Amino acid sequence: SIFKMEWRDKESDGETYIKINWEEEAAFRLLDSLKSNVPKASEAVYDYVKKYHLGHASSELRKSLQNDAEHAIRI
């Protein structure tokens, strides 16, 4: 856990105190993990988009060539 929360409720005066601290070591581990994992996740998303884009472009090119060939045959 990165954050530690302390909750105090004083019944005598009806006030509530909330104290939140964070652990530096846990925050460091989280940021270190993000530093190593974000590039991997970004690369995976990029590869997926590239694969989709190439597939879509190939499909569009195939349709266009097929239409051109059919048009040439009719003439």
N, C-alpha and C. Protein backbone atom coordinates (compact mmCIF):
# COMPACT_ATOMS: atom_id res chain seq x y z
N SER A 1 0.84 -1.18 0.00
CA SER A 1 0.00 0.00 0.00
C SER A 1 0.88 1.24 0.00
N ILE A 2 0.55 2.17 -0.83
CA ILE A 2 1.34 3.40 -0.91
C ILE A 2 0.91 4.40 0.15
N PHE A 3 -0.38 4.44 0.40
CA PHE A 3 -0.92 5.42 1.34
C PHE A 3 -1.30 4.77 2.65
N LYS A 4 -1.07 5.50 3.72
CA LYS A 4 -1.54 5.09 5.04
C LYS A 4 -2.51 6.16 5.51
N MET A 5 -3.66 5.72 5.95
CA MET A 5 -4.67 6.68 6.38
C MET A 5 -5.01 6.43 7.85
N GLU A 6 -5.10 7.51 8.58
CA GLU A 6 -5.47 7.44 9.99
C GLU A 6 -6.74 8.28 10.16
N TRP A 7 -7.74 7.68 10.76
CA TRP A 7 -9.03 8.33 10.92
C TRP A 7 -9.32 8.47 12.40
N ARG A 8 -9.57 9.67 12.85
CA ARG A 8 -9.91 9.90 14.26
C ARG A 8 -11.21 10.68 14.32
N ASP A 9 -12.07 10.17 15.13
CA ASP A 9 -13.37 10.82 15.32
C ASP A 9 -13.53 11.13 16.80
N LYS A 10 -13.51 12.40 17.13
CA LYS A 10 -13.67 12.80 18.53
C LYS A 10 -15.15 13.05 18.79
N GLU A 11 -15.69 12.21 19.63
CA GLU A 11 -17.12 12.34 19.92
C GLU A 11 -17.41 13.56 20.79
N SER A 12 -16.42 13.99 21.58
CA SER A 12 -16.66 15.10 22.50
C SER A 12 -16.98 16.40 21.78
N ASP A 13 -16.24 16.70 20.71
CA ASP A 13 -16.50 17.95 20.00
C ASP A 13 -17.05 17.74 18.59
N GLY A 14 -17.26 16.49 18.20
CA GLY A 14 -17.87 16.18 16.91
C GLY A 14 -16.96 16.39 15.72
N GLU A 15 -15.65 16.52 15.95
CA GLU A 15 -14.72 16.75 14.85
C GLU A 15 -14.11 15.43 14.39
N THR A 16 -13.83 15.39 13.10
CA THR A 16 -13.20 14.22 12.50
C THR A 16 -11.87 14.65 11.90
N TYR A 17 -10.84 13.86 12.16
CA TYR A 17 -9.52 14.14 11.61
C TYR A 17 -9.12 12.99 10.71
N ILE A 18 -8.63 13.34 9.55
CA ILE A 18 -8.12 12.34 8.62
C ILE A 18 -6.67 12.71 8.32
N LYS A 19 -5.79 11.75 8.54
CA LYS A 19 -4.37 11.97 8.28
C LYS A 19 -3.93 10.95 7.24
N ILE A 20 -3.35 11.44 6.15
CA ILE A 20 -2.91 10.55 5.08
C ILE A 20 -1.41 10.76 4.86
N ASN A 21 -0.67 9.67 4.92
CA ASN A 21 0.77 9.67 4.64
C ASN A 21 1.04 8.70 3.51
N TRP A 22 2.15 8.86 2.87
CA TRP A 22 2.52 7.92 1.83
C TRP A 22 3.91 7.39 2.10
N GLU A 23 4.10 6.13 1.74
CA GLU A 23 5.38 5.47 1.94
C GLU A 23 6.27 5.75 0.73
N GLU A 24 7.42 6.31 0.99
CA GLU A 24 8.32 6.65 -0.11
C GLU A 24 8.80 5.41 -0.85
N GLU A 25 9.09 4.35 -0.13
CA GLU A 25 9.59 3.13 -0.78
C GLU A 25 8.53 2.53 -1.70
N ALA A 26 7.28 2.50 -1.25
CA ALA A 26 6.21 1.96 -2.08
C ALA A 26 5.99 2.82 -3.31
N ALA A 27 6.04 4.14 -3.14
CA ALA A 27 5.88 5.04 -4.28
C ALA A 27 7.03 4.85 -5.26
N PHE A 28 8.25 4.68 -4.74
CA PHE A 28 9.40 4.45 -5.62
C PHE A 28 9.22 3.16 -6.41
N ARG A 29 8.76 2.09 -5.73
CA ARG A 29 8.56 0.81 -6.42
C ARG A 29 7.50 0.94 -7.51
N LEU A 30 6.43 1.68 -7.23
CA LEU A 30 5.37 1.89 -8.22
C LEU A 30 5.91 2.64 -9.43
N LEU A 31 6.62 3.73 -9.19
CA LEU A 31 7.16 4.52 -10.30
C LEU A 31 8.21 3.74 -11.08
N ASP A 32 9.01 2.95 -10.39
CA ASP A 32 10.00 2.12 -11.07
C ASP A 32 9.32 1.08 -11.95
N SER A 33 8.23 0.52 -11.45
CA SER A 33 7.46 -0.46 -12.23
C SER A 33 6.85 0.21 -13.46
N LEU A 34 6.31 1.40 -13.28
CA LEU A 34 5.74 2.12 -14.42
C LEU A 34 6.81 2.45 -15.45
N LYS A 35 7.99 2.82 -14.97
CA LYS A 35 9.08 3.17 -15.88
C LYS A 35 9.44 2.00 -16.78
N SER A 36 9.35 0.79 -16.26
CA SER A 36 9.71 -0.37 -17.08
C SER A 36 8.53 -0.93 -17.86
N ASN A 37 7.30 -0.75 -17.37
CA ASN A 37 6.15 -1.37 -18.02
C ASN A 37 5.43 -0.47 -19.02
N VAL A 38 5.48 0.83 -18.87
CA VAL A 38 4.79 1.73 -19.79
C VAL A 38 5.35 1.61 -21.22
N PRO A 39 6.67 1.57 -21.40
CA PRO A 39 7.16 1.38 -22.78
C PRO A 39 6.70 0.07 -23.40
N LYS A 40 6.64 -1.00 -22.60
CA LYS A 40 6.17 -2.29 -23.12
C LYS A 40 4.71 -2.20 -23.54
N ALA A 41 3.89 -1.56 -22.71
CA ALA A 41 2.47 -1.42 -23.03
C ALA A 41 2.29 -0.53 -24.27
N SER A 42 3.05 0.54 -24.34
CA SER A 42 2.97 1.44 -25.50
C SER A 42 3.35 0.70 -26.78
N GLU A 43 4.40 -0.12 -26.69
CA GLU A 43 4.83 -0.88 -27.86
C GLU A 43 3.77 -1.88 -28.29
N ALA A 44 3.11 -2.51 -27.33
CA ALA A 44 2.05 -3.47 -27.66
C ALA A 44 0.89 -2.77 -28.36
N VAL A 45 0.49 -1.60 -27.86
CA VAL A 45 -0.59 -0.84 -28.50
C VAL A 45 -0.17 -0.41 -29.90
N TYR A 46 1.05 0.08 -30.04
CA TYR A 46 1.56 0.51 -31.35
C TYR A 46 1.55 -0.66 -32.34
N ASP A 47 2.03 -1.83 -31.89
CA ASP A 47 2.05 -3.00 -32.76
C ASP A 47 0.65 -3.41 -33.19
N TYR A 48 -0.32 -3.34 -32.26
CA TYR A 48 -1.70 -3.69 -32.59
C TYR A 48 -2.27 -2.72 -33.63
N VAL A 49 -2.06 -1.43 -33.41
CA VAL A 49 -2.57 -0.42 -34.35
C VAL A 49 -1.91 -0.58 -35.72
N LYS A 50 -0.61 -0.84 -35.72
CA LYS A 50 0.10 -1.03 -36.99
C LYS A 50 -0.45 -2.24 -37.73
N LYS A 51 -0.67 -3.34 -37.00
CA LYS A 51 -1.21 -4.56 -37.62
C LYS A 51 -2.61 -4.30 -38.18
N TYR A 52 -3.46 -3.60 -37.41
CA TYR A 52 -4.81 -3.29 -37.87
C TYR A 52 -4.75 -2.38 -39.10
N HIS A 53 -3.90 -1.36 -39.03
CA HIS A 53 -3.79 -0.41 -40.13
C HIS A 53 -3.32 -1.11 -41.41
N LEU A 54 -2.29 -1.94 -41.29
CA LEU A 54 -1.79 -2.66 -42.47
C LEU A 54 -2.85 -3.61 -43.03
N GLY A 55 -3.57 -4.28 -42.14
CA GLY A 55 -4.63 -5.18 -42.60
C GLY A 55 -5.73 -4.42 -43.31
N HIS A 56 -6.12 -3.29 -42.75
CA HIS A 56 -7.17 -2.47 -43.35
C HIS A 56 -6.70 -1.90 -44.69
N ALA A 57 -5.47 -1.40 -44.73
CA ALA A 57 -4.93 -0.83 -45.98
C ALA A 57 -4.82 -1.92 -47.05
N SER A 58 -4.39 -3.12 -46.66
CA SER A 58 -4.29 -4.23 -47.62
C SER A 58 -5.66 -4.59 -48.17
N SER A 59 -6.64 -4.60 -47.29
CA SER A 59 -8.00 -4.92 -47.72
C SER A 59 -8.53 -3.88 -48.70
N GLU A 60 -8.30 -2.61 -48.40
CA GLU A 60 -8.74 -1.53 -49.28
C GLU A 60 -8.02 -1.61 -50.63
N LEU A 61 -6.73 -1.89 -50.61
CA LEU A 61 -5.97 -2.01 -51.86
C LEU A 61 -6.49 -3.18 -52.69
N ARG A 62 -6.76 -4.31 -52.03
CA ARG A 62 -7.28 -5.49 -52.74
C ARG A 62 -8.62 -5.17 -53.39
N LYS A 63 -9.51 -4.50 -52.65
CA LYS A 63 -10.82 -4.13 -53.20
C LYS A 63 -10.67 -3.20 -54.40
N SER A 64 -9.77 -2.24 -54.28
CA SER A 64 -9.56 -1.28 -55.36
C SER A 64 -9.02 -1.98 -56.61
N LEU A 65 -8.03 -2.85 -56.43
CA LEU A 65 -7.47 -3.58 -57.57
C LEU A 65 -8.50 -4.51 -58.20
N GLN A 66 -9.32 -5.13 -57.36
CA GLN A 66 -10.36 -6.02 -57.88
C GLN A 66 -11.38 -5.23 -58.69
N ASN A 67 -11.78 -4.08 -58.19
CA ASN A 67 -12.72 -3.23 -58.92
C ASN A 67 -12.12 -2.75 -60.24
N ASP A 68 -10.84 -2.37 -60.21
CA ASP A 68 -10.17 -1.93 -61.45
C ASP A 68 -10.11 -3.07 -62.46
N ALA A 69 -9.79 -4.27 -61.99
CA ALA A 69 -9.71 -5.43 -62.89
C ALA A 69 -11.08 -5.74 -63.48
N GLU A 70 -12.12 -5.70 -62.67
CA GLU A 70 -13.47 -5.96 -63.16
C GLU A 70 -13.89 -4.90 -64.17
N HIS A 71 -13.52 -3.65 -63.90
CA HIS A 71 -13.84 -2.56 -64.81
C HIS A 71 -13.10 -2.75 -66.15
N ALA A 72 -11.84 -3.17 -66.09
CA ALA A 72 -11.05 -3.38 -67.30
C ALA A 72 -11.61 -4.53 -68.13
N ILE A 73 -12.12 -5.57 -67.46
CA ILE A 73 -12.68 -6.71 -68.18
C ILE A 73 -13.96 -6.30 -68.91
N ARG A 74 -14.76 -5.42 -68.30
CA ARG A 74 -16.02 -4.99 -68.91
C ARG A 74 -15.79 -4.12 -70.14
N ILE A 75 -14.68 -3.46 -70.20
CA ILE A 75 -14.42 -2.53 -71.32
C ILE A 75 -13.97 -3.25 -72.52
